[in-house]
C-alpha atoms as a PDB file:
ATOM      1  CA  MET A   1      -1.754 -18.565   6.230  1.00  0.00           C
ATOM      2  CA  GLU A   2      -5.025 -17.779   4.478  1.00  0.00           C
ATOM      3  CA  THR A   3      -4.445 -14.103   5.211  1.00  0.00           C
ATOM      4  CA  ILE A   4      -1.105 -14.235   3.372  1.00  0.00           C
ATOM      5  CA  GLY A   5      -2.837 -15.897   0.412  1.00  0.00           C
ATOM      6  CA  GLN A   6      -5.406 -13.098   0.374  1.00  0.00           C
ATOM      7  CA  MET A   7      -2.610 -10.523   0.521  1.00  0.00           C
ATOM      8  CA  LYS A   8      -0.929 -12.123  -2.491  1.00  0.00           C
ATOM      9  CA  PHE A   9      -4.237 -12.212  -4.357  1.00  0.00           C
ATOM     10  CA  ALA A  10      -4.859  -8.514  -3.627  1.00  0.00           C
ATOM     11  CA  ARG A  11      -1.409  -7.679  -4.967  1.00  0.00           C
ATOM     12  CA  ILE A  12      -2.002  -9.739  -8.122  1.00  0.00           C
ATOM     13  CA  TYR A  13      -5.210  -7.759  -8.616  1.00  0.00           C
ATOM     14  CA  THR A  14      -3.430  -4.437  -8.058  1.00  0.00           C
ATOM     15  CA  ASN A  15      -0.639  -5.364 -10.464  1.00  0.00           C
ATOM     16  CA  GLY A  16      -3.273  -6.403 -12.993  1.00  0.00           C
ATOM     17  CA  ARG A  17      -4.889  -2.955 -12.787  1.00  0.00           C
ATOM     18  CA  LEU A  18      -1.475  -1.406 -13.462  1.00  0.00           C
ATOM     19  CA  GLN A  19      -0.758  -3.463 -16.592  1.00  0.00           C
ATOM     20  CA  SER A  20      -2.988  -1.273 -18.761  1.00  0.00           C
ATOM     21  CA  VAL A  21      -1.795   2.068 -17.350  1.00  0.00           C
ATOM     22  CA  LYS A  22       0.282   4.046 -19.838  1.00  0.00           C
ATOM     23  CA  ASP A  23       3.361   5.933 -18.608  1.00  0.00           C
ATOM     24  CA  GLU A  24       1.757   9.311 -19.275  1.00  0.00           C
ATOM     25  CA  GLN A  25      -1.231   8.470 -17.044  1.00  0.00           C
ATOM     26  CA  TRP A  26       0.745   7.997 -13.810  1.00  0.00           C
ATOM     27  CA  ASP A  27       0.782  11.686 -12.858  1.00  0.00           C
ATOM     28  CA  ILE A  28      -2.565  12.982 -14.104  1.00  0.00           C
ATOM     29  CA  GLN A  29      -4.906  14.131 -11.343  1.00  0.00           C
ATOM     30  CA  PRO A  30      -8.387  14.596 -12.778  1.00  0.00           C
ATOM     31  CA  LYS A  31     -10.945  16.849 -11.147  1.00  0.00           C
ATOM     32  CA  GLY A  32     -12.722  14.996  -8.361  1.00  0.00           C
ATOM     33  CA  PHE A  33      -9.726  12.802  -7.470  1.00  0.00           C
ATOM     34  CA  ASN A  34      -7.493  13.523  -4.483  1.00  0.00           C
ATOM     35  CA  ASN A  35      -4.358  11.986  -5.980  1.00  0.00           C
ATOM     36  CA  THR A  36      -2.747  10.276  -8.961  1.00  0.00           C
ATOM     37  CA  ILE A  37      -2.012   6.714  -9.984  1.00  0.00           C
ATOM     38  CA  ARG A  38       1.620   7.186  -8.860  1.00  0.00           C
ATOM     39  CA  TRP A  39       0.480   8.361  -5.435  1.00  0.00           C
ATOM     40  CA  ASN A  40      -1.948   5.451  -5.008  1.00  0.00           C
ATOM     41  CA  VAL A  41       0.714   2.890  -5.962  1.00  0.00           C
ATOM     42  CA  GLY A  42       3.228   4.443  -3.574  1.00  0.00           C
ATOM     43  CA  HIS A  43       0.587   4.688  -0.875  1.00  0.00           C
ATOM     44  CA  ILE A  44      -0.217   0.980  -1.129  1.00  0.00           C
ATOM     45  CA  PHE A  45       3.478   0.169  -0.744  1.00  0.00           C
ATOM     46  CA  VAL A  46       4.315   2.507   2.137  1.00  0.00           C
ATOM     47  CA  SER A  47       1.105   1.676   3.979  1.00  0.00           C
ATOM     48  CA  MET A  48       2.014  -2.015   4.042  1.00  0.00           C
ATOM     49  CA  GLU A  49       5.513  -1.106   5.238  1.00  0.00           C
ATOM     50  CA  SER A  50       3.993   1.017   8.019  1.00  0.00           C
ATOM     51  CA  PHE A  51       1.561  -1.716   9.018  1.00  0.00           C
ATOM     52  CA  ILE A  52       4.405  -4.243   9.252  1.00  0.00           C
ATOM     53  CA  LYS A  53       6.403  -1.827  11.414  1.00  0.00           C
ATOM     54  CA  GLN A  54       3.430  -1.460  13.766  1.00  0.00           C
ATOM     55  CA  CYS A  55       3.132  -5.246  13.962  1.00  0.00           C
ATOM     56  CA  VAL A  56       6.849  -5.976  14.338  1.00  0.00           C
ATOM     57  CA  PRO A  57       8.558  -2.974  15.985  1.00  0.00           C
ATOM     58  CA  THR A  58      12.050  -4.237  15.077  1.00  0.00           C
ATOM     59  CA  TYR A  59      11.170  -4.218  11.365  1.00  0.00           C
ATOM     60  CA  GLU A  60      12.998  -1.623   9.274  1.00  0.00           C
ATOM     61  CA  PRO A  61      10.751  -0.451   6.407  1.00  0.00           C
ATOM     62  CA  VAL A  62      12.041  -0.663   2.862  1.00  0.00           C
ATOM     63  CA  HIS A  63      12.278   2.729   1.105  1.00  0.00           C
ATOM     64  CA  PRO A  64      11.640   4.857   4.214  1.00  0.00           C
ATOM     65  CA  GLU A  65      12.443   7.893   2.046  1.00  0.00           C
ATOM     66  CA  TRP A  66       9.136   7.299   0.254  1.00  0.00           C
ATOM     67  CA  MET A  67       7.064   7.594   3.436  1.00  0.00           C
ATOM     68  CA  PRO A  68       6.620  11.406   3.346  1.00  0.00           C
ATOM     69  CA  LEU A  69       5.571  11.285  -0.316  1.00  0.00           C
ATOM     70  CA  PHE A  70       2.869   8.651   0.049  1.00  0.00           C
ATOM     71  CA  LYS A  71       1.655   8.695   3.664  1.00  0.00           C
ATOM     72  CA  GLY A  72      -2.003   9.408   4.325  1.00  0.00           C
ATOM     73  CA  GLY A  73      -2.821  13.057   3.803  1.00  0.00           C
ATOM     74  CA  SER A  74       0.094  13.661   1.435  1.00  0.00           C
ATOM     75  CA  LYS A  75      -0.394  14.791  -2.155  1.00  0.00           C
ATOM     76  CA  PRO A  76       1.760  15.203  -5.248  1.00  0.00           C
ATOM     77  CA  GLU A  77       1.365  18.966  -5.332  1.00  0.00           C
ATOM     78  CA  ASP A  78       3.305  19.144  -2.053  1.00  0.00           C
ATOM     79  CA  TRP A  79       6.258  17.059  -3.268  1.00  0.00           C
ATOM     80  CA  ASN A  80       9.578  18.894  -3.296  1.00  0.00           C
ATOM     81  CA  VAL A  81      11.666  15.871  -4.309  1.00  0.00           C
ATOM     82  CA  GLU A  82      11.503  13.629  -7.341  1.00  0.00           C
ATOM     83  CA  PRO A  83       9.169  10.691  -6.642  1.00  0.00           C
ATOM     84  CA  PRO A  84      10.148   7.120  -7.460  1.00  0.00           C
ATOM     85  CA  THR A  85       9.754   6.070 -11.074  1.00  0.00           C
ATOM     86  CA  ASN A  86       6.995   3.789 -12.322  1.00  0.00           C
ATOM     87  CA  GLU A  87       9.554   0.994 -12.610  1.00  0.00           C
ATOM     88  CA  GLU A  88      10.794   1.487  -9.037  1.00  0.00           C
ATOM     89  CA  LEU A  89       7.256   1.423  -7.674  1.00  0.00           C
ATOM     90  CA  LEU A  90       6.263  -1.640  -9.709  1.00  0.00           C
ATOM     91  CA  ALA A  91       9.397  -3.487  -8.569  1.00  0.00           C
ATOM     92  CA  ALA A  92       8.723  -2.560  -4.933  1.00  0.00           C
ATOM     93  CA  LEU A  93       5.121  -3.796  -5.199  1.00  0.00           C
ATOM     94  CA  ALA A  94       6.261  -7.033  -6.826  1.00  0.00           C
ATOM     95  CA  GLU A  95       8.819  -7.966  -4.150  1.00  0.00           C
ATOM     96  CA  GLN A  96       6.841  -6.885  -1.101  1.00  0.00           C
ATOM     97  CA  PRO A  97       4.428  -9.837  -0.635  1.00  0.00           C
ATOM     98  CA  SER A  98       7.131 -12.515  -0.395  1.00  0.00           C
ATOM     99  CA  ARG A  99       9.099 -10.348   2.045  1.00  0.00           C
ATOM    100  CA  VAL A 100       6.000  -9.738   4.168  1.00  0.00           C
ATOM    101  CA  GLU A 101       5.244 -13.454   4.151  1.00  0.00           C
ATOM    102  CA  GLU A 102       8.750 -14.215   5.393  1.00  0.00           C
ATOM    103  CA  ILE A 103       8.629 -11.547   8.117  1.00  0.00           C
ATOM    104  CA  LEU A 104       5.216 -12.612   9.386  1.00  0.00           C
ATOM    105  CA  SER A 105       5.581 -16.373   9.042  1.00  0.00           C
ATOM    106  CA  GLY A 106       4.271 -17.981  12.229  1.00  0.00           C
ATOM    107  CA  LYS A 107       3.335 -14.604  13.732  1.00  0.00           C
ATOM    108  CA  LEU A 108      -0.147 -13.839  12.415  1.00  0.00           C
ATOM    109  CA  ASP A 109      -1.803 -14.950  15.652  1.00  0.00           C
ATOM    110  CA  HIS A 110       0.541 -12.800  17.763  1.00  0.00           C
ATOM    111  CA  SER A 111      -0.869  -9.871  19.674  1.00  0.00           C
ATOM    112  CA  LEU A 112       0.243  -6.411  18.694  1.00  0.00           C
ATOM    113  CA  PRO A 113       2.576  -4.559  21.058  1.00  0.00           C
ATOM    114  CA  LYS A 114      -0.172  -1.914  21.161  1.00  0.00           C
ATOM    115  CA  VAL A 115      -3.765  -2.267  19.950  1.00  0.00           C
ATOM    116  CA  MET A 116      -4.201  -0.412  16.650  1.00  0.00           C
ATOM    117  CA  SER A 117      -7.277   1.798  16.323  1.00  0.00           C
ATOM    118  CA  ILE A 118      -8.931   3.193  13.222  1.00  0.00           C
ATOM    119  CA  GLY A 119     -10.930   6.154  14.411  1.00  0.00           C
ATOM    120  CA  ASN A 120     -12.963   5.427  17.516  1.00  0.00           C
ATOM    121  CA  PHE A 121     -14.802   2.492  15.994  1.00  0.00           C
ATOM    122  CA  HIS A 122     -12.369  -0.232  14.943  1.00  0.00           C
ATOM    123  CA  GLU A 123      -9.613  -1.851  16.986  1.00  0.00           C
ATOM    124  CA  MET A 124      -7.155  -4.511  15.895  1.00  0.00           C
ATOM    125  CA  ALA A 125      -5.271  -6.550  18.463  1.00  0.00           C
ATOM    126  CA  THR A 126      -3.452  -9.155  16.325  1.00  0.00           C
ATOM    127  CA  ILE A 127      -1.064  -9.080  13.402  1.00  0.00           C
ATOM    128  CA  ASP A 128      -3.612 -11.065  11.394  1.00  0.00           C
ATOM    129  CA  ALA A 129      -6.243  -8.357  11.908  1.00  0.00           C
ATOM    130  CA  VAL A 130      -3.845  -5.632  10.755  1.00  0.00           C
ATOM    131  CA  ILE A 131      -2.868  -7.532   7.612  1.00  0.00           C
ATOM    132  CA  GLN A 132      -6.527  -8.169   6.818  1.00  0.00           C
ATOM    133  CA  PHE A 133      -7.101  -4.431   7.165  1.00  0.00           C
ATOM    134  CA  ALA A 134      -4.101  -3.781   4.886  1.00  0.00           C
ATOM    135  CA  ILE A 135      -5.638  -6.083   2.272  1.00  0.00           C
ATOM    136  CA  TRP A 136      -8.930  -4.178   2.406  1.00  0.00           C
ATOM    137  CA  HIS A 137      -7.020  -0.902   2.223  1.00  0.00           C
ATOM    138  CA  GLU A 138      -5.117  -2.060  -0.858  1.00  0.00           C
ATOM    139  CA  GLY A 139      -8.387  -3.016  -2.539  1.00  0.00           C
ATOM    140  CA  ILE A 140      -9.740   0.490  -2.031  1.00  0.00           C
ATOM    141  CA  HIS A 141      -6.679   2.011  -3.682  1.00  0.00           C
ATOM    142  CA  ALA A 142      -6.605  -0.595  -6.469  1.00  0.00           C
ATOM    143  CA  GLY A 143     -10.166   0.463  -7.272  1.00  0.00           C
ATOM    144  CA  THR A 144      -9.064   4.095  -7.374  1.00  0.00           C
ATOM    145  CA  ILE A 145      -6.209   3.144  -9.714  1.00  0.00           C
ATOM    146  CA  TYR A 146      -8.743   1.386 -11.956  1.00  0.00           C
ATOM    147  CA  ALA A 147     -10.972   4.475 -11.991  1.00  0.00           C
ATOM    148  CA  LEU A 148      -8.044   6.835 -12.646  1.00  0.00           C
ATOM    149  CA  ASN A 149      -6.904   4.613 -15.513  1.00  0.00           C
ATOM    150  CA  LYS A 150     -10.371   4.854 -17.092  1.00  0.00           C
ATOM    151  CA  VAL A 151     -10.755   8.630 -16.762  1.00  0.00           C
ATOM    152  CA  THR A 152      -7.203   9.468 -17.865  1.00  0.00           C
ATOM    153  CA  ALA A 153      -7.088   7.150 -20.913  1.00  0.00           C
END
């Protein structure tokens, strides 16, 4: 369960970065940045939902309507629907870790139905490996949120 503890810690860190973000900063995309704070928050959420689905094929992701907005390669300038509000995203981030813990309880050592590959250089064969990758991934985006908060303040 150490992986779950790390996941919770990463989320505490991410939520901490968001505490100092003002409402008007969520949708600013400064030069040199690929996306906004809103996109990074949504991306963290939908990525974890996607990772869980890959680990547990019977899992039904929460807020599947958000997937097209925040999947890898998406960007706010392509949105043709209203994105979730700051409050909706913060609430989704807050409830996700306990739900993930419940879904994955006793399963971290299970093999994936299909080995997950990142490029041609990294393969993950267990649920634990995927969640560890998700934690690293969240840290990258939390750092981007921190940087965006600094440059848009």
